[in-house]
Amino acid sequence: MNSKHTKEQAREFLKQEALKEINEHTDFIKLQDKVFCVFAKYGLQLKAKKEKFLIGDEWNDPASKDMLMKRITQFLNENMN
C-alpha cells in the first residue's frame, strides 16, 4: 500500500472530515455554533466572518438544513485549497 498522498488527496480528506463532523451533529439549534467551530479548526473562521457566512435567518430554520449543507460544502470546496 502506498502511504504517499498528494496535496489534493489530503485536502479532499480534510474537507470530507470537516463535512462528516458537521453532518454528525444532530442538534440543529447548535448547528451554527458547530459550523463555526469546524471552520475555526481549519482556520476558516475569519473568511466566513468576512463573507457573513454564518448570518441569516436560515440558521434558525431546520427546514433549511439541506440548503445550508450545500452552502457549507461549497464554502469548503472554495476555501480549502
PDB file of N, CA and C in Angstrom:
ATOM      1  N   MET A   1       0.847  -1.187   0.000  1.00  0.00           N
ATOM      2  CA  MET A   1       0.000   0.000   0.000  1.00  0.00           C
ATOM      3  C   MET A   1       0.883   1.236   0.000  1.00  0.00           C
ATOM      4  N   ASN A   2       0.574   2.167  -0.851  1.00  0.00           N
ATOM      5  CA  ASN A   2       1.329   3.403  -0.955  1.00  0.00           C
ATOM      6  C   ASN A   2       0.791   4.403   0.056  1.00  0.00           C
ATOM      7  N   SER A   3       1.650   4.840   0.987  1.00  0.00           N
ATOM      8  CA  SER A   3       1.195   5.775   2.023  1.00  0.00           C
ATOM      9  C   SER A   3       1.452   7.222   1.634  1.00  0.00           C
ATOM     10  N   LYS A   4       1.957   7.430   0.439  1.00  0.00           N
ATOM     11  CA  LYS A   4       2.220   8.783  -0.033  1.00  0.00           C
ATOM     12  C   LYS A   4       0.962   9.335  -0.703  1.00  0.00           C
ATOM     13  N   HIS A   5       0.527  10.497  -0.245  1.00  0.00           N
ATOM     14  CA  HIS A   5      -0.675  11.103  -0.799  1.00  0.00           C
ATOM     15  C   HIS A   5      -0.330  12.456  -1.405  1.00  0.00           C
ATOM     16  N   THR A   6      -1.097  12.822  -2.392  1.00  0.00           N
ATOM     17  CA  THR A   6      -0.900  14.125  -2.997  1.00  0.00           C
ATOM     18  C   THR A   6      -1.550  15.194  -2.127  1.00  0.00           C
ATOM     19  N   LYS A   7      -1.185  16.430  -2.365  1.00  0.00           N
ATOM     20  CA  LYS A   7      -1.801  17.545  -1.641  1.00  0.00           C
ATOM     21  C   LYS A   7      -3.303  17.575  -1.895  1.00  0.00           C
ATOM     22  N   GLU A   8      -3.703  17.297  -3.121  1.00  0.00           N
ATOM     23  CA  GLU A   8      -5.121  17.297  -3.463  1.00  0.00           C
ATOM     24  C   GLU A   8      -5.876  16.221  -2.680  1.00  0.00           C
ATOM     25  N   GLN A   9      -5.272  15.051  -2.552  1.00  0.00           N
ATOM     26  CA  GLN A   9      -5.905  13.981  -1.790  1.00  0.00           C
ATOM     27  C   GLN A   9      -6.023  14.374  -0.313  1.00  0.00           C
ATOM     28  N   ALA A  10      -4.993  15.005   0.213  1.00  0.00           N
ATOM     29  CA  ALA A  10      -5.014  15.442   1.611  1.00  0.00           C
ATOM     30  C   ALA A  10      -6.089  16.496   1.828  1.00  0.00           C
ATOM     31  N   ARG A  11      -6.191  17.452   0.914  1.00  0.00           N
ATOM     32  CA  ARG A  11      -7.228  18.479   1.025  1.00  0.00           C
ATOM     33  C   ARG A  11      -8.621  17.877   0.965  1.00  0.00           C
ATOM     34  N   GLU A  12      -8.812  16.957   0.044  1.00  0.00           N
ATOM     35  CA  GLU A  12     -10.116  16.302  -0.087  1.00  0.00           C
ATOM     36  C   GLU A  12     -10.449  15.531   1.185  1.00  0.00           C
ATOM     37  N   PHE A  13      -9.466  14.860   1.753  1.00  0.00           N
ATOM     38  CA  PHE A  13      -9.682  14.139   3.009  1.00  0.00           C
ATOM     39  C   PHE A  13     -10.106  15.108   4.112  1.00  0.00           C
ATOM     40  N   LEU A  14      -9.424  16.243   4.233  1.00  0.00           N
ATOM     41  CA  LEU A  14      -9.769  17.226   5.258  1.00  0.00           C
ATOM     42  C   LEU A  14     -11.176  17.783   5.045  1.00  0.00           C
ATOM     43  N   LYS A  15     -11.539  18.059   3.792  1.00  0.00           N
ATOM     44  CA  LYS A  15     -12.892  18.543   3.508  1.00  0.00           C
ATOM     45  C   LYS A  15     -13.931  17.514   3.923  1.00  0.00           C
ATOM     46  N   GLN A  16     -13.681  16.260   3.595  1.00  0.00           N
ATOM     47  CA  GLN A  16     -14.627  15.204   3.942  1.00  0.00           C
ATOM     48  C   GLN A  16     -14.730  15.033   5.453  1.00  0.00           C
ATOM     49  N   GLU A  17     -13.610  15.161   6.152  1.00  0.00           N
ATOM     50  CA  GLU A  17     -13.632  15.071   7.610  1.00  0.00           C
ATOM     51  C   GLU A  17     -14.429  16.230   8.218  1.00  0.00           C
ATOM     52  N   ALA A  18     -14.250  17.429   7.680  1.00  0.00           N
ATOM     53  CA  ALA A  18     -14.995  18.594   8.166  1.00  0.00           C
ATOM     54  C   ALA A  18     -16.489  18.395   7.945  1.00  0.00           C
ATOM     55  N   LEU A  19     -16.867  17.954   6.754  1.00  0.00           N
ATOM     56  CA  LEU A  19     -18.289  17.711   6.457  1.00  0.00           C
ATOM     57  C   LEU A  19     -18.856  16.598   7.335  1.00  0.00           C
ATOM     58  N   LYS A  20     -18.073  15.565   7.552  1.00  0.00           N
ATOM     59  CA  LYS A  20     -18.511  14.458   8.403  1.00  0.00           C
ATOM     60  C   LYS A  20     -18.776  14.957   9.821  1.00  0.00           C
ATOM     61  N   GLU A  21     -17.864  15.761  10.333  1.00  0.00           N
ATOM     62  CA  GLU A  21     -18.016  16.300  11.684  1.00  0.00           C
ATOM     63  C   GLU A  21     -19.273  17.167  11.793  1.00  0.00           C
ATOM     64  N   ILE A  22     -19.536  17.969  10.778  1.00  0.00           N
ATOM     65  CA  ILE A  22     -20.731  18.824  10.777  1.00  0.00           C
ATOM     66  C   ILE A  22     -21.993  17.972  10.633  1.00  0.00           C
ATOM     67  N   ASN A  23     -21.971  17.006   9.726  1.00  0.00           N
ATOM     68  CA  ASN A  23     -23.141  16.154   9.483  1.00  0.00           C
ATOM     69  C   ASN A  23     -23.506  15.285  10.680  1.00  0.00           C
ATOM     70  N   GLU A  24     -22.516  14.901  11.464  1.00  0.00           N
ATOM     71  CA  GLU A  24     -22.775  14.052  12.623  1.00  0.00           C
ATOM     72  C   GLU A  24     -23.472  14.815  13.749  1.00  0.00           C
ATOM     73  N   HIS A  25     -23.450  16.116  13.653  1.00  0.00           N
ATOM     74  CA  HIS A  25     -24.071  16.953  14.678  1.00  0.00           C
ATOM     75  C   HIS A  25     -25.581  16.921  14.462  1.00  0.00           C
ATOM     76  N   THR A  26     -26.318  16.438  15.450  1.00  0.00           N
ATOM     77  CA  THR A  26     -27.752  16.227  15.265  1.00  0.00           C
ATOM     78  C   THR A  26     -28.629  17.357  15.799  1.00  0.00           C
ATOM     79  N   ASP A  27     -28.094  18.228  16.621  1.00  0.00           N
ATOM     80  CA  ASP A  27     -28.884  19.303  17.222  1.00  0.00           C
ATOM     81  C   ASP A  27     -28.865  20.527  16.307  1.00  0.00           C
ATOM     82  N   PHE A  28     -29.934  20.708  15.514  1.00  0.00           N
ATOM     83  CA  PHE A  28     -29.947  21.814  14.549  1.00  0.00           C
ATOM     84  C   PHE A  28     -29.784  23.158  15.232  1.00  0.00           C
ATOM     85  N   ILE A  29     -30.315  23.299  16.431  1.00  0.00           N
ATOM     86  CA  ILE A  29     -30.246  24.576  17.143  1.00  0.00           C
ATOM     87  C   ILE A  29     -28.791  25.020  17.335  1.00  0.00           C
ATOM     88  N   LYS A  30     -27.894  24.059  17.460  1.00  0.00           N
ATOM     89  CA  LYS A  30     -26.478  24.378  17.674  1.00  0.00           C
ATOM     90  C   LYS A  30     -25.632  24.194  16.412  1.00  0.00           C
ATOM     91  N   LEU A  31     -26.284  23.986  15.265  1.00  0.00           N
ATOM     92  CA  LEU A  31     -25.552  23.769  14.015  1.00  0.00           C
ATOM     93  C   LEU A  31     -24.649  24.950  13.683  1.00  0.00           C
ATOM     94  N   GLN A  32     -25.145  26.148  13.844  1.00  0.00           N
ATOM     95  CA  GLN A  32     -24.368  27.343  13.541  1.00  0.00           C
ATOM     96  C   GLN A  32     -23.085  27.371  14.372  1.00  0.00           C
ATOM     97  N   ASP A  33     -23.190  27.061  15.648  1.00  0.00           N
ATOM     98  CA  ASP A  33     -22.010  27.022  16.518  1.00  0.00           C
ATOM     99  C   ASP A  33     -21.045  25.922  16.083  1.00  0.00           C
ATOM    100  N   LYS A  34     -21.589  24.771  15.724  1.00  0.00           N
ATOM    101  CA  LYS A  34     -20.747  23.655  15.290  1.00  0.00           C
ATOM    102  C   LYS A  34     -19.995  24.011  14.014  1.00  0.00           C
ATOM    103  N   VAL A  35     -20.682  24.634  13.064  1.00  0.00           N
ATOM    104  CA  VAL A  35     -20.043  25.028  11.805  1.00  0.00           C
ATOM    105  C   VAL A  35     -18.929  26.029  12.092  1.00  0.00           C
ATOM    106  N   PHE A  36     -19.192  26.991  12.969  1.00  0.00           N
ATOM    107  CA  PHE A  36     -18.153  27.958  13.321  1.00  0.00           C
ATOM    108  C   PHE A  36     -16.937  27.240  13.904  1.00  0.00           C
ATOM    109  N   CYS A  37     -17.167  26.301  14.813  1.00  0.00           N
ATOM    110  CA  CYS A  37     -16.054  25.580  15.445  1.00  0.00           C
ATOM    111  C   CYS A  37     -15.253  24.767  14.426  1.00  0.00           C
ATOM    112  N   VAL A  38     -15.938  24.120  13.514  1.00  0.00           N
ATOM    113  CA  VAL A  38     -15.243  23.341  12.481  1.00  0.00           C
ATOM    114  C   VAL A  38     -14.468  24.282  11.558  1.00  0.00           C
ATOM    115  N   PHE A  39     -15.088  25.385  11.161  1.00  0.00           N
ATOM    116  CA  PHE A  39     -14.379  26.354  10.327  1.00  0.00           C
ATOM    117  C   PHE A  39     -13.145  26.878  11.054  1.00  0.00           C
ATOM    118  N   ALA A  40     -13.271  27.151  12.349  1.00  0.00           N
ATOM    119  CA  ALA A  40     -12.131  27.643  13.136  1.00  0.00           C
ATOM    120  C   ALA A  40     -11.034  26.590  13.207  1.00  0.00           C
ATOM    121  N   LYS A  41     -11.417  25.344  13.321  1.00  0.00           N
ATOM    122  CA  LYS A  41     -10.460  24.242  13.376  1.00  0.00           C
ATOM    123  C   LYS A  41      -9.552  24.235  12.140  1.00  0.00           C
ATOM    124  N   TYR A  42     -10.123  24.633  11.010  1.00  0.00           N
ATOM    125  CA  TYR A  42      -9.368  24.647   9.756  1.00  0.00           C
ATOM    126  C   TYR A  42      -8.918  26.055   9.353  1.00  0.00           C
ATOM    127  N   GLY A  43      -9.035  27.009  10.281  1.00  0.00           N
ATOM    128  CA  GLY A  43      -8.572  28.371  10.033  1.00  0.00           C
ATOM    129  C   GLY A  43      -9.429  29.168   9.069  1.00  0.00           C
ATOM    130  N   LEU A  44     -10.695  28.837   8.971  1.00  0.00           N
ATOM    131  CA  LEU A  44     -11.584  29.488   8.011  1.00  0.00           C
ATOM    132  C   LEU A  44     -12.582  30.447   8.656  1.00  0.00           C
ATOM    133  N   GLN A  45     -12.494  30.629   9.975  1.00  0.00           N
ATOM    134  CA  GLN A  45     -13.492  31.439  10.661  1.00  0.00           C
ATOM    135  C   GLN A  45     -13.464  32.900  10.223  1.00  0.00           C
ATOM    136  N   LEU A  46     -12.287  33.467   9.962  1.00  0.00           N
ATOM    137  CA  LEU A  46     -12.217  34.869   9.533  1.00  0.00           C
ATOM    138  C   LEU A  46     -12.786  35.049   8.132  1.00  0.00           C
ATOM    139  N   LYS A  47     -12.519  34.091   7.267  1.00  0.00           N
ATOM    140  CA  LYS A  47     -13.081  34.117   5.912  1.00  0.00           C
ATOM    141  C   LYS A  47     -14.616  34.029   5.982  1.00  0.00           C
ATOM    142  N   ALA A  48     -15.118  33.153   6.831  1.00  0.00           N
ATOM    143  CA  ALA A  48     -16.570  33.010   6.987  1.00  0.00           C
ATOM    144  C   ALA A  48     -17.172  34.289   7.554  1.00  0.00           C
ATOM    145  N   LYS A  49     -16.480  34.900   8.501  1.00  0.00           N
ATOM    146  CA  LYS A  49     -16.973  36.147   9.089  1.00  0.00           C
ATOM    147  C   LYS A  49     -16.993  37.260   8.043  1.00  0.00           C
ATOM    148  N   LYS A  50     -15.942  37.344   7.260  1.00  0.00           N
ATOM    149  CA  LYS A  50     -15.850  38.373   6.215  1.00  0.00           C
ATOM    150  C   LYS A  50     -16.985  38.218   5.202  1.00  0.00           C
ATOM    151  N   GLU A  51     -17.308  36.981   4.867  1.00  0.00           N
ATOM    152  CA  GLU A  51     -18.378  36.699   3.907  1.00  0.00           C
ATOM    153  C   GLU A  51     -19.755  36.661   4.562  1.00  0.00           C
ATOM    154  N   LYS A  52     -19.812  36.911   5.874  1.00  0.00           N
ATOM    155  CA  LYS A  52     -21.071  36.865   6.637  1.00  0.00           C
ATOM    156  C   LYS A  52     -21.782  35.535   6.419  1.00  0.00           C
ATOM    157  N   PHE A  53     -20.982  34.478   6.368  1.00  0.00           N
ATOM    158  CA  PHE A  53     -21.481  33.140   6.072  1.00  0.00           C
ATOM    159  C   PHE A  53     -22.456  32.636   7.123  1.00  0.00           C
ATOM    160  N   LEU A  54     -22.186  32.941   8.372  1.00  0.00           N
ATOM    161  CA  LEU A  54     -22.984  32.391   9.465  1.00  0.00           C
ATOM    162  C   LEU A  54     -24.117  33.308   9.913  1.00  0.00           C
ATOM    163  N   ILE A  55     -24.441  34.288   9.082  1.00  0.00           N
ATOM    164  CA  ILE A  55     -25.511  35.231   9.399  1.00  0.00           C
ATOM    165  C   ILE A  55     -26.690  34.967   8.470  1.00  0.00           C
ATOM    166  N   GLY A  56     -27.879  34.945   9.032  1.00  0.00           N
ATOM    167  CA  GLY A  56     -29.077  34.769   8.215  1.00  0.00           C
ATOM    168  C   GLY A  56     -30.128  33.970   8.955  1.00  0.00           C
ATOM    169  N   ASP A  57     -31.364  34.188   8.568  1.00  0.00           N
ATOM    170  CA  ASP A  57     -32.496  33.516   9.212  1.00  0.00           C
ATOM    171  C   ASP A  57     -32.501  32.005   8.973  1.00  0.00           C
ATOM    172  N   GLU A  58     -31.857  31.562   7.884  1.00  0.00           N
ATOM    173  CA  GLU A  58     -31.855  30.128   7.562  1.00  0.00           C
ATOM    174  C   GLU A  58     -31.204  29.291   8.667  1.00  0.00           C
ATOM    175  N   TRP A  59     -30.332  29.909   9.463  1.00  0.00           N
ATOM    176  CA  TRP A  59     -29.685  29.188  10.558  1.00  0.00           C
ATOM    177  C   TRP A  59     -30.663  28.886  11.694  1.00  0.00           C
ATOM    178  N   ASN A  60     -31.842  29.497  11.662  1.00  0.00           N
ATOM    179  CA  ASN A  60     -32.858  29.261  12.687  1.00  0.00           C
ATOM    180  C   ASN A  60     -33.994  28.377  12.187  1.00  0.00           C
ATOM    181  N   ASP A  61     -33.888  27.891  10.959  1.00  0.00           N
ATOM    182  CA  ASP A  61     -34.965  27.122  10.345  1.00  0.00           C
ATOM    183  C   ASP A  61     -34.479  25.712   9.999  1.00  0.00           C
ATOM    184  N   PRO A  62     -34.905  24.709  10.769  1.00  0.00           N
ATOM    185  CA  PRO A  62     -34.469  23.340  10.496  1.00  0.00           C
ATOM    186  C   PRO A  62     -34.762  22.872   9.065  1.00  0.00           C
ATOM    187  N   ALA A  63     -35.777  23.439   8.418  1.00  0.00           N
ATOM    188  CA  ALA A  63     -36.092  23.067   7.039  1.00  0.00           C
ATOM    189  C   ALA A  63     -35.003  23.516   6.067  1.00  0.00           C
ATOM    190  N   SER A  64     -34.111  24.376   6.516  1.00  0.00           N
ATOM    191  CA  SER A  64     -33.035  24.894   5.670  1.00  0.00           C
ATOM    192  C   SER A  64     -31.761  24.057   5.744  1.00  0.00           C
ATOM    193  N   LYS A  65     -31.775  22.975   6.505  1.00  0.00           N
ATOM    194  CA  LYS A  65     -30.538  22.219   6.726  1.00  0.00           C
ATOM    195  C   LYS A  65     -29.899  21.734   5.428  1.00  0.00           C
ATOM    196  N   ASP A  66     -30.685  21.177   4.510  1.00  0.00           N
ATOM    197  CA  ASP A  66     -30.114  20.683   3.248  1.00  0.00           C
ATOM    198  C   ASP A  66     -29.460  21.809   2.458  1.00  0.00           C
ATOM    199  N   MET A  67     -30.131  22.959   2.395  1.00  0.00           N
ATOM    200  CA  MET A  67     -29.578  24.112   1.689  1.00  0.00           C
ATOM    201  C   MET A  67     -28.296  24.586   2.372  1.00  0.00           C
ATOM    202  N   LEU A  68     -28.302  24.611   3.695  1.00  0.00           N
ATOM    203  CA  LEU A  68     -27.111  25.031   4.437  1.00  0.00           C
ATOM    204  C   LEU A  68     -25.950  24.076   4.199  1.00  0.00           C
ATOM    205  N   MET A  69     -26.240  22.786   4.168  1.00  0.00           N
ATOM    206  CA  MET A  69     -25.175  21.805   3.933  1.00  0.00           C
ATOM    207  C   MET A  69     -24.573  21.986   2.536  1.00  0.00           C
ATOM    208  N   LYS A  70     -25.386  22.330   1.560  1.00  0.00           N
ATOM    209  CA  LYS A  70     -24.852  22.604   0.220  1.00  0.00           C
ATOM    210  C   LYS A  70     -23.947  23.828   0.250  1.00  0.00           C
ATOM    211  N   ARG A  71     -24.372  24.875   0.971  1.00  0.00           N
ATOM    212  CA  ARG A  71     -23.553  26.085   1.095  1.00  0.00           C
ATOM    213  C   ARG A  71     -22.248  25.801   1.834  1.00  0.00           C
ATOM    214  N   ILE A  72     -22.329  24.989   2.881  1.00  0.00           N
ATOM    215  CA  ILE A  72     -21.140  24.630   3.652  1.00  0.00           C
ATOM    216  C   ILE A  72     -20.166  23.865   2.769  1.00  0.00           C
ATOM    217  N   THR A  73     -20.678  22.909   2.017  1.00  0.00           N
ATOM    218  CA  THR A  73     -19.840  22.123   1.107  1.00  0.00           C
ATOM    219  C   THR A  73     -19.170  23.027   0.080  1.00  0.00           C
ATOM    220  N   GLN A  74     -19.937  23.937  -0.494  1.00  0.00           N
ATOM    221  CA  GLN A  74     -19.385  24.875  -1.477  1.00  0.00           C
ATOM    222  C   GLN A  74     -18.314  25.760  -0.843  1.00  0.00           C
ATOM    223  N   PHE A  75     -18.568  26.250   0.354  1.00  0.00           N
ATOM    224  CA  PHE A  75     -17.606  27.093   1.060  1.00  0.00           C
ATOM    225  C   PHE A  75     -16.302  26.325   1.285  1.00  0.00           C
ATOM    226  N   LEU A  76     -16.410  25.092   1.753  1.00  0.00           N
ATOM    227  CA  LEU A  76     -15.207  24.288   1.988  1.00  0.00           C
ATOM    228  C   LEU A  76     -14.462  24.013   0.682  1.00  0.00           C
ATOM    229  N   ASN A  77     -15.199  23.708  -0.372  1.00  0.00           N
ATOM    230  CA  ASN A  77     -14.563  23.439  -1.667  1.00  0.00           C
ATOM    231  C   ASN A  77     -13.800  24.664  -2.170  1.00  0.00           C
ATOM    232  N   GLU A  78     -14.363  25.841  -1.948  1.00  0.00           N
ATOM    233  CA  GLU A  78     -13.718  27.073  -2.419  1.00  0.00           C
ATOM    234  C   GLU A  78     -12.554  27.510  -1.546  1.00  0.00           C
ATOM    235  N   ASN A  79     -12.573  27.150  -0.272  1.00  0.00           N
ATOM    236  CA  ASN A  79     -11.607  27.722   0.654  1.00  0.00           C
ATOM    237  C   ASN A  79     -10.581  26.753   1.222  1.00  0.00           C
ATOM    238  N   MET A  80     -10.757  25.485   0.999  1.00  0.00           N
ATOM    239  CA  MET A  80      -9.753  24.520   1.450  1.00  0.00           C
ATOM    240  C   MET A  80      -8.939  24.070   0.247  1.00  0.00           C
ATOM    241  N   ASN A  81      -8.132  24.981  -0.233  1.00  0.00           N
ATOM    242  CA  ASN A  81      -7.323  24.641  -1.413  1.00  0.00           C
ATOM    243  C   ASN A  81      -5.890  24.992  -1.218  1.00  0.00           C
TER     244      ASN A  81
END
